[in-house]
Amino acid sequence: RCREVFTVAAIFRGKVVEEQVQQHFVAWIPNNMLRVHRDIPPQGMKMAVTFI
């Protein structure tokens, strides 16, 4: 059998209010998503986001 699978990973670095970010994600992939939030941004930046 062939199945389609959709997964996503989002890595937030910097001071991001998690409640503000939550609204940008759709509800239909709650079990196939990895979300990581780190308080320390990359050097020389206020914030960075990586989507995989």
Protein backbone atom coordinates (compact mmCIF):
# COMPACT_ATOMS: atom_id res chain seq x y z
CA ARG A 1 0.00 0.00 0.00
CA CYS A 2 1.10 3.48 -0.78
CA ARG A 3 0.38 6.20 1.78
CA GLU A 4 1.07 9.88 1.70
CA VAL A 5 2.68 11.25 4.82
CA PHE A 6 3.09 14.93 5.65
CA THR A 7 5.39 15.96 8.46
CA VAL A 8 7.01 19.23 9.36
CA ALA A 9 9.60 20.49 11.81
CA ALA A 10 9.89 24.12 12.91
CA ILE A 11 12.81 25.39 14.98
CA PHE A 12 12.44 28.86 16.50
CA ARG A 13 15.47 30.62 17.96
CA GLY A 14 15.20 33.91 19.83
CA LYS A 15 12.58 35.65 21.92
CA VAL A 16 9.33 34.46 20.33
CA VAL A 17 6.03 34.52 22.19
CA GLU A 18 4.74 30.99 21.66
CA GLU A 19 1.07 32.03 21.63
CA GLN A 20 1.73 34.40 18.70
CA VAL A 21 3.48 31.68 16.72
CA GLN A 22 0.81 29.04 17.40
CA GLN A 23 -1.76 30.78 15.16
CA HIS A 24 0.41 30.20 12.07
CA PHE A 25 0.09 26.40 12.23
CA VAL A 26 -2.84 24.45 10.84
CA ALA A 27 -4.83 22.12 13.09
CA TRP A 28 -4.88 19.15 10.70
CA ILE A 29 -1.25 18.09 11.31
CA PRO A 30 -1.06 18.08 15.12
CA ASN A 31 0.50 14.61 15.37
CA ASN A 32 3.05 15.00 12.59
CA MET A 33 4.79 18.17 13.69
CA LEU A 34 7.88 18.84 15.74
CA ARG A 35 8.19 22.34 17.17
CA VAL A 36 11.26 23.47 19.10
CA HIS A 37 11.72 26.86 20.75
CA ARG A 38 15.10 28.09 21.99
CA ASP A 39 15.53 31.38 23.85
CA ILE A 40 19.02 32.03 22.48
CA PRO A 41 19.05 33.44 18.91
CA PRO A 42 21.90 32.90 16.44
CA GLN A 43 24.82 35.27 16.88
CA GLY A 44 24.08 38.71 15.42
CA MET A 45 20.32 38.07 14.97
CA LYS A 46 17.23 38.78 17.06
CA MET A 47 15.34 35.71 15.85
CA ALA A 48 15.54 32.87 13.33
CA VAL A 49 13.13 30.16 12.16
CA THR A 50 14.00 26.96 10.32
CA PHE A 51 11.32 24.84 8.61
CA ILE A 52 12.22 21.33 7.55
